[in-house]
């Protein structure tokens, strides 16, 4: 979404504070892998990147080909194993693409159109034969809560979640930050950092397990 640049700026802040305690990163909505350079500065041993858009994924593979610690997956994560249509934003190289129909986004950024679509695959993380890492980054344009729900019991192994948040419906029925707060509180997470754009109703947030404070 529009917060990709902001996420790039905030990843160093997040890593500066917690890199020593991170065993690896799961990045959902990896796009072209813009954050991998920052991840590698902190010598993270394992990075898992999930990107469902085929043309973006092919470029992602090229961008990270020299990083032996990176594994890429050409599907999205959510709360149900299914195939969905993603609404693609061509004007910004797919950064605003979402499986949710755009709503307020059309007014906030009228230069971004959603004239193309693509069928993608979405899987629950707990349905995969992949060991959970303890840090999770989410940039999925309104589907953040569904990604988290798809971890199931594997969420118990996650200690840090850096995610995009929304305060209004930029996409139809997107998760609001209050929804994410409420769900993660049940898993002993607390939001300790928030960076919001009050005029565009989106931003980023960092959640950590209360036992790590």
C-alpha atoms as a PDB file:
ATOM      1  CA  UNK A   1       0.000   0.000   0.000  1.00  0.00           C
ATOM      2  CA  UNK A   2       1.121   3.586   0.342  1.00  0.00           C
ATOM      3  CA  UNK A   3       3.001   2.736   3.535  1.00  0.00           C
ATOM      4  CA  UNK A   4       5.741   0.713   1.799  1.00  0.00           C
ATOM      5  CA  UNK A   5       8.093   3.690   2.030  1.00  0.00           C
ATOM      6  CA  UNK A   6       7.202   4.164   5.693  1.00  0.00           C
ATOM      7  CA  UNK A   7       7.851   0.505   6.425  1.00  0.00           C
ATOM      8  CA  UNK A   8      11.254   0.873   4.806  1.00  0.00           C
ATOM      9  CA  UNK A   9      11.981   3.762   7.157  1.00  0.00           C
ATOM     10  CA  UNK A  10      10.728   2.012  10.275  1.00  0.00           C
ATOM     11  CA  UNK A  11      12.365  -1.396   9.782  1.00  0.00           C
ATOM     12  CA  UNK A  12      15.777  -0.043  10.954  1.00  0.00           C
ATOM     13  CA  UNK A  13      14.125   1.379  14.092  1.00  0.00           C
ATOM     14  CA  UNK A  14      12.551  -1.995  14.810  1.00  0.00           C
ATOM     15  CA  UNK A  15      15.764  -3.930  14.165  1.00  0.00           C
ATOM     16  CA  UNK A  16      17.947  -1.546  16.150  1.00  0.00           C
ATOM     17  CA  UNK A  17      15.867  -2.258  19.224  1.00  0.00           C
ATOM     18  CA  UNK A  18      15.266  -5.996  18.896  1.00  0.00           C
ATOM     19  CA  UNK A  19      17.617  -7.612  16.339  1.00  0.00           C
ATOM     20  CA  UNK A  20      19.631  -9.428  19.003  1.00  0.00           C
ATOM     21  CA  UNK A  21      16.487 -11.302  20.070  1.00  0.00           C
ATOM     22  CA  UNK A  22      15.201 -12.134  16.575  1.00  0.00           C
ATOM     23  CA  UNK A  23      15.829 -15.603  15.135  1.00  0.00           C
ATOM     24  CA  UNK A  24      14.458 -14.678  11.717  1.00  0.00           C
ATOM     25  CA  UNK A  25      11.801 -12.712   9.830  1.00  0.00           C
ATOM     26  CA  UNK A  26       8.595 -13.823   8.135  1.00  0.00           C
ATOM     27  CA  UNK A  27       7.641 -11.027   5.728  1.00  0.00           C
ATOM     28  CA  UNK A  28       4.126 -11.260   4.257  1.00  0.00           C
ATOM     29  CA  UNK A  29       3.553  -9.002   1.263  1.00  0.00           C
ATOM     30  CA  UNK A  30       7.238  -8.815   0.394  1.00  0.00           C
ATOM     31  CA  UNK A  31       6.740  -7.002  -2.929  1.00  0.00           C
ATOM     32  CA  UNK A  32      10.216  -6.604  -4.498  1.00  0.00           C
ATOM     33  CA  UNK A  33      12.109  -7.371  -1.304  1.00  0.00           C
ATOM     34  CA  UNK A  34      12.958  -3.747  -0.520  1.00  0.00           C
ATOM     35  CA  UNK A  35      13.466  -4.558   3.170  1.00  0.00           C
ATOM     36  CA  UNK A  36      15.922  -7.427   2.653  1.00  0.00           C
ATOM     37  CA  UNK A  37      18.924  -5.098   2.570  1.00  0.00           C
ATOM     38  CA  UNK A  38      18.023  -3.819   6.040  1.00  0.00           C
ATOM     39  CA  UNK A  39      17.370  -7.340   7.312  1.00  0.00           C
ATOM     40  CA  UNK A  40      20.782  -8.445   6.101  1.00  0.00           C
ATOM     41  CA  UNK A  41      22.537  -5.566   7.840  1.00  0.00           C
ATOM     42  CA  UNK A  42      21.573  -7.266  11.078  1.00  0.00           C
ATOM     43  CA  UNK A  43      22.790 -10.696   9.924  1.00  0.00           C
ATOM     44  CA  UNK A  44      19.442 -12.401  10.284  1.00  0.00           C
ATOM     45  CA  UNK A  45      19.968 -16.084   9.580  1.00  0.00           C
ATOM     46  CA  UNK A  46      16.563 -16.781   8.060  1.00  0.00           C
ATOM     47  CA  UNK A  47      14.186 -14.614   6.016  1.00  0.00           C
ATOM     48  CA  UNK A  48      10.921 -15.960   4.568  1.00  0.00           C
ATOM     49  CA  UNK A  49       9.256 -13.782   1.918  1.00  0.00           C
ATOM     50  CA  UNK A  50       5.666 -14.251   0.742  1.00  0.00           C
ATOM     51  CA  UNK A  51       4.533 -12.448  -2.437  1.00  0.00           C
ATOM     52  CA  UNK A  52       1.514 -13.661  -4.461  1.00  0.00           C
ATOM     53  CA  UNK A  53       1.668 -11.435  -7.579  1.00  0.00           C
ATOM     54  CA  UNK A  54       3.414 -13.461 -10.272  1.00  0.00           C
ATOM     55  CA  UNK A  55       5.221 -10.664 -12.119  1.00  0.00           C
ATOM     56  CA  UNK A  56       6.325  -9.045  -8.854  1.00  0.00           C
ATOM     57  CA  UNK A  57       7.444 -12.415  -7.504  1.00  0.00           C
ATOM     58  CA  UNK A  58       9.616 -13.100 -10.551  1.00  0.00           C
ATOM     59  CA  UNK A  59      11.414  -9.792 -10.036  1.00  0.00           C
ATOM     60  CA  UNK A  60      11.692 -10.526  -6.306  1.00  0.00           C
ATOM     61  CA  UNK A  61      13.580 -13.736  -7.086  1.00  0.00           C
ATOM     62  CA  UNK A  62      16.084 -11.760  -9.149  1.00  0.00           C
ATOM     63  CA  UNK A  63      16.480  -9.127  -6.438  1.00  0.00           C
ATOM     64  CA  UNK A  64      17.328 -11.594  -3.668  1.00  0.00           C
ATOM     65  CA  UNK A  65      19.237 -14.225  -5.670  1.00  0.00           C
ATOM     66  CA  UNK A  66      22.508 -13.429  -3.853  1.00  0.00           C
ATOM     67  CA  UNK A  67      20.996 -13.808  -0.374  1.00  0.00           C
ATOM     68  CA  UNK A  68      21.372 -17.426   0.702  1.00  0.00           C
ATOM     69  CA  UNK A  69      19.351 -16.799   3.862  1.00  0.00           C
ATOM     70  CA  UNK A  70      16.205 -15.832   1.913  1.00  0.00           C
ATOM     71  CA  UNK A  71      13.421 -18.210   0.849  1.00  0.00           C
ATOM     72  CA  UNK A  72      10.572 -16.924  -1.339  1.00  0.00           C
ATOM     73  CA  UNK A  73       7.029 -18.241  -1.677  1.00  0.00           C
ATOM     74  CA  UNK A  74       4.693 -17.303  -4.548  1.00  0.00           C
ATOM     75  CA  UNK A  75       1.449 -17.202  -2.579  1.00  0.00           C
ATOM     76  CA  UNK A  76      -0.188 -15.047   0.048  1.00  0.00           C
ATOM     77  CA  UNK A  77      -1.092 -15.826   3.644  1.00  0.00           C
ATOM     78  CA  UNK A  78      -4.530 -15.589   5.188  1.00  0.00           C
ATOM     79  CA  UNK A  79      -7.010 -17.391   7.431  1.00  0.00           C
ATOM     80  CA  UNK A  80      -8.365 -19.782   4.759  1.00  0.00           C
ATOM     81  CA  UNK A  81      -6.663 -21.955   2.141  1.00  0.00           C
ATOM     82  CA  UNK A  82      -8.254 -20.634  -1.026  1.00  0.00           C
ATOM     83  CA  UNK A  83      -7.803 -18.899  -4.345  1.00  0.00           C
ATOM     84  CA  UNK A  84      -8.767 -15.233  -4.539  1.00  0.00           C
ATOM     85  CA  UNK A  85      -8.781 -12.407  -7.051  1.00  0.00           C
ATOM     86  CA  UNK A  86      -6.286  -9.650  -6.248  1.00  0.00           C
ATOM     87  CA  UNK A  87      -7.036  -6.130  -7.473  1.00  0.00           C
ATOM     88  CA  UNK A  88      -3.762  -4.872  -8.922  1.00  0.00           C
ATOM     89  CA  UNK A  89      -2.464  -1.292  -8.701  1.00  0.00           C
ATOM     90  CA  UNK A  90      -0.300  -0.845 -11.773  1.00  0.00           C
ATOM     91  CA  UNK A  91       0.592   2.824 -11.188  1.00  0.00           C
ATOM     92  CA  UNK A  92       2.736   2.061  -8.133  1.00  0.00           C
ATOM     93  CA  UNK A  93       4.099  -1.326  -9.200  1.00  0.00           C
ATOM     94  CA  UNK A  94       1.478  -3.258  -7.297  1.00  0.00           C
ATOM     95  CA  UNK A  95       2.187  -1.776  -3.863  1.00  0.00           C
ATOM     96  CA  UNK A  96      -1.509  -1.083  -3.245  1.00  0.00           C
ATOM     97  CA  UNK A  97      -2.766  -4.381  -4.677  1.00  0.00           C
ATOM     98  CA  UNK A  98      -5.240  -6.192  -2.435  1.00  0.00           C
ATOM     99  CA  UNK A  99      -7.723  -9.043  -2.437  1.00  0.00           C
ATOM    100  CA  UNK A 100     -10.129  -6.556  -0.865  1.00  0.00           C
ATOM    101  CA  UNK A 101     -11.922  -4.133  -3.216  1.00  0.00           C
ATOM    102  CA  UNK A 102     -10.614  -0.577  -2.810  1.00  0.00           C
ATOM    103  CA  UNK A 103     -12.892   1.808  -0.948  1.00  0.00           C
ATOM    104  CA  UNK A 104     -11.625   5.027   0.685  1.00  0.00           C
ATOM    105  CA  UNK A 105      -8.288   4.384  -1.027  1.00  0.00           C
ATOM    106  CA  UNK A 106      -9.873   5.666  -4.256  1.00  0.00           C
ATOM    107  CA  UNK A 107     -10.404   9.062  -2.625  1.00  0.00           C
ATOM    108  CA  UNK A 108      -7.193   9.219  -0.616  1.00  0.00           C
ATOM    109  CA  UNK A 109      -5.010   8.366  -3.605  1.00  0.00           C
ATOM    110  CA  UNK A 110      -7.135   8.980  -6.730  1.00  0.00           C
ATOM    111  CA  UNK A 111      -4.086   8.559  -8.983  1.00  0.00           C
ATOM    112  CA  UNK A 112      -3.953   4.855  -8.093  1.00  0.00           C
ATOM    113  CA  UNK A 113      -6.296   2.729 -10.210  1.00  0.00           C
ATOM    114  CA  UNK A 114      -7.234  -0.925  -9.872  1.00  0.00           C
ATOM    115  CA  UNK A 115      -7.994  -1.798 -13.469  1.00  0.00           C
ATOM    116  CA  UNK A 116      -6.266  -5.198 -13.563  1.00  0.00           C
ATOM    117  CA  UNK A 117      -6.690  -8.367 -11.555  1.00  0.00           C
ATOM    118  CA  UNK A 118      -5.046 -11.738 -11.072  1.00  0.00           C
ATOM    119  CA  UNK A 119      -6.005 -14.991  -9.393  1.00  0.00           C
ATOM    120  CA  UNK A 120      -3.687 -15.793  -6.508  1.00  0.00           C
ATOM    121  CA  UNK A 121      -3.373 -18.542  -3.945  1.00  0.00           C
ATOM    122  CA  UNK A 122      -3.694 -17.889  -0.214  1.00  0.00           C
ATOM    123  CA  UNK A 123      -2.686 -20.344   2.492  1.00  0.00           C
ATOM    124  CA  UNK A 124      -2.826 -20.518   6.257  1.00  0.00           C
ATOM    125  CA  UNK A 125       0.650 -20.404   7.724  1.00  0.00           C
ATOM    126  CA  UNK A 126      -0.177 -23.239  10.111  1.00  0.00           C
ATOM    127  CA  UNK A 127      -1.045 -25.444   7.115  1.00  0.00           C
ATOM    128  CA  UNK A 128       2.532 -25.173   5.830  1.00  0.00           C
ATOM    129  CA  UNK A 129       5.422 -27.392   6.808  1.00  0.00           C
ATOM    130  CA  UNK A 130       7.418 -24.343   7.859  1.00  0.00           C
ATOM    131  CA  UNK A 131       8.812 -23.645  11.288  1.00  0.00           C
ATOM    132  CA  UNK A 132       7.608 -20.326  12.676  1.00  0.00           C
ATOM    133  CA  UNK A 133      10.180 -17.616  13.303  1.00  0.00           C
ATOM    134  CA  UNK A 134       9.750 -15.128  16.128  1.00  0.00           C
ATOM    135  CA  UNK A 135       9.401 -11.925  14.060  1.00  0.00           C
ATOM    136  CA  UNK A 136       6.632 -11.157  11.590  1.00  0.00           C
ATOM    137  CA  UNK A 137       6.262  -8.237   9.164  1.00  0.00           C
ATOM    138  CA  UNK A 138       2.888  -7.753   7.440  1.00  0.00           C
ATOM    139  CA  UNK A 139       2.149  -5.444   4.494  1.00  0.00           C
ATOM    140  CA  UNK A 140      -1.017  -6.815   2.888  1.00  0.00           C
ATOM    141  CA  UNK A 141      -3.447  -3.927   2.365  1.00  0.00           C
ATOM    142  CA  UNK A 142      -6.198  -4.637   4.840  1.00  0.00           C
ATOM    143  CA  UNK A 143      -5.805  -8.401   5.278  1.00  0.00           C
ATOM    144  CA  UNK A 144      -3.453  -8.107   8.244  1.00  0.00           C
ATOM    145  CA  UNK A 145      -5.755  -9.709  10.799  1.00  0.00           C
ATOM    146  CA  UNK A 146      -6.524 -12.645   8.501  1.00  0.00           C
ATOM    147  CA  UNK A 147      -2.801 -13.299   8.102  1.00  0.00           C
ATOM    148  CA  UNK A 148      -2.385 -13.334  11.878  1.00  0.00           C
ATOM    149  CA  UNK A 149      -5.365 -15.653  12.369  1.00  0.00           C
ATOM    150  CA  UNK A 150      -3.857 -18.061   9.845  1.00  0.00           C
ATOM    151  CA  UNK A 151      -0.899 -18.667  12.145  1.00  0.00           C
ATOM    152  CA  UNK A 152      -3.159 -20.521  14.557  1.00  0.00           C
ATOM    153  CA  UNK A 153      -1.139 -22.014  17.393  1.00  0.00           C
ATOM    154  CA  UNK A 154       2.088 -21.085  15.611  1.00  0.00           C
ATOM    155  CA  UNK A 155       1.422 -17.533  16.756  1.00  0.00           C
ATOM    156  CA  UNK A 156       2.639 -18.709  20.153  1.00  0.00           C
ATOM    157  CA  UNK A 157       6.180 -18.758  18.707  1.00  0.00           C
ATOM    158  CA  UNK A 158       5.968 -15.181  17.408  1.00  0.00           C
ATOM    159  CA  UNK A 159       7.261 -12.441  19.694  1.00  0.00           C
ATOM    160  CA  UNK A 160       7.410  -9.366  17.417  1.00  0.00           C
ATOM    161  CA  UNK A 161       4.848  -8.208  14.847  1.00  0.00           C
ATOM    162  CA  UNK A 162       5.496  -5.149  12.690  1.00  0.00           C
ATOM    163  CA  UNK A 163       2.409  -4.469  10.619  1.00  0.00           C
ATOM    164  CA  UNK A 164       0.566  -1.967   8.505  1.00  0.00           C
ATOM    165  CA  UNK A 165      -2.582  -0.635  10.203  1.00  0.00           C
ATOM    166  CA  UNK A 166      -5.702   1.252   9.114  1.00  0.00           C
ATOM    167  CA  UNK A 167      -8.053   3.508  11.057  1.00  0.00           C
ATOM    168  CA  UNK A 168     -10.731   3.622   8.319  1.00  0.00           C
ATOM    169  CA  UNK A 169     -11.918   1.383   5.494  1.00  0.00           C
ATOM    170  CA  UNK A 170      -9.389   2.058   2.765  1.00  0.00           C
ATOM    171  CA  UNK A 171     -10.438  -1.315   1.398  1.00  0.00           C
ATOM    172  CA  UNK A 172     -13.818  -2.966   1.834  1.00  0.00           C
ATOM    173  CA  UNK A 173     -14.040  -4.499   5.321  1.00  0.00           C
ATOM    174  CA  UNK A 174     -10.303  -4.180   5.951  1.00  0.00           C
ATOM    175  CA  UNK A 175      -9.089  -4.829   9.484  1.00  0.00           C
ATOM    176  CA  UNK A 176      -8.939  -1.739  11.686  1.00  0.00           C
ATOM    177  CA  UNK A 177      -6.174  -1.212  14.206  1.00  0.00           C
ATOM    178  CA  UNK A 178      -8.696  -1.700  17.016  1.00  0.00           C
ATOM    179  CA  UNK A 179      -9.537  -5.153  15.613  1.00  0.00           C
ATOM    180  CA  UNK A 180      -5.857  -6.125  15.549  1.00  0.00           C
ATOM    181  CA  UNK A 181      -5.329  -4.755  19.072  1.00  0.00           C
ATOM    182  CA  UNK A 182      -8.216  -6.793  20.417  1.00  0.00           C
ATOM    183  CA  UNK A 183      -7.152 -10.044  18.766  1.00  0.00           C
ATOM    184  CA  UNK A 184      -3.479  -9.788  19.659  1.00  0.00           C
ATOM    185  CA  UNK A 185      -4.254  -8.869  23.258  1.00  0.00           C
ATOM    186  CA  UNK A 186      -5.641 -12.398  23.649  1.00  0.00           C
ATOM    187  CA  UNK A 187      -2.184 -13.694  22.693  1.00  0.00           C
ATOM    188  CA  UNK A 188      -0.429 -11.407  25.186  1.00  0.00           C
ATOM    189  CA  UNK A 189       0.751  -8.838  22.621  1.00  0.00           C
ATOM    190  CA  UNK A 190       0.884  -5.111  23.284  1.00  0.00           C
ATOM    191  CA  UNK A 191       1.188  -2.319  20.702  1.00  0.00           C
ATOM    192  CA  UNK A 192       4.246  -0.352  21.809  1.00  0.00           C
ATOM    193  CA  UNK A 193       4.786   1.862  18.761  1.00  0.00           C
ATOM    194  CA  UNK A 194       2.385   3.539  16.325  1.00  0.00           C
ATOM    195  CA  UNK A 195       3.103   5.750  13.330  1.00  0.00           C
ATOM    196  CA  UNK A 196      -0.098   7.082  11.731  1.00  0.00           C
ATOM    197  CA  UNK A 197      -0.811   9.421   8.843  1.00  0.00           C
ATOM    198  CA  UNK A 198      -3.930  11.266  10.117  1.00  0.00           C
ATOM    199  CA  UNK A 199      -4.875  12.456   6.650  1.00  0.00           C
ATOM    200  CA  UNK A 200      -4.671   9.092   4.887  1.00  0.00           C
ATOM    201  CA  UNK A 201      -5.879   6.883   7.762  1.00  0.00           C
ATOM    202  CA  UNK A 202      -3.064   4.365   7.647  1.00  0.00           C
ATOM    203  CA  UNK A 203       0.278   3.727   9.279  1.00  0.00           C
ATOM    204  CA  UNK A 204       2.478   1.131  10.936  1.00  0.00           C
ATOM    205  CA  UNK A 205       2.535  -0.458  14.369  1.00  0.00           C
ATOM    206  CA  UNK A 206       4.879  -2.640  16.372  1.00  0.00           C
ATOM    207  CA  UNK A 207       3.460  -5.275  18.709  1.00  0.00           C
ATOM    208  CA  UNK A 208       5.562  -7.334  21.128  1.00  0.00           C
ATOM    209  CA  UNK A 209       4.817 -10.086  23.591  1.00  0.00           C
ATOM    210  CA  UNK A 210       4.380  -8.489  26.994  1.00  0.00           C
ATOM    211  CA  UNK A 211       6.888 -10.927  28.456  1.00  0.00           C
ATOM    212  CA  UNK A 212       9.582  -9.335  26.241  1.00  0.00           C
ATOM    213  CA  UNK A 213       9.113  -5.777  27.541  1.00  0.00           C
END
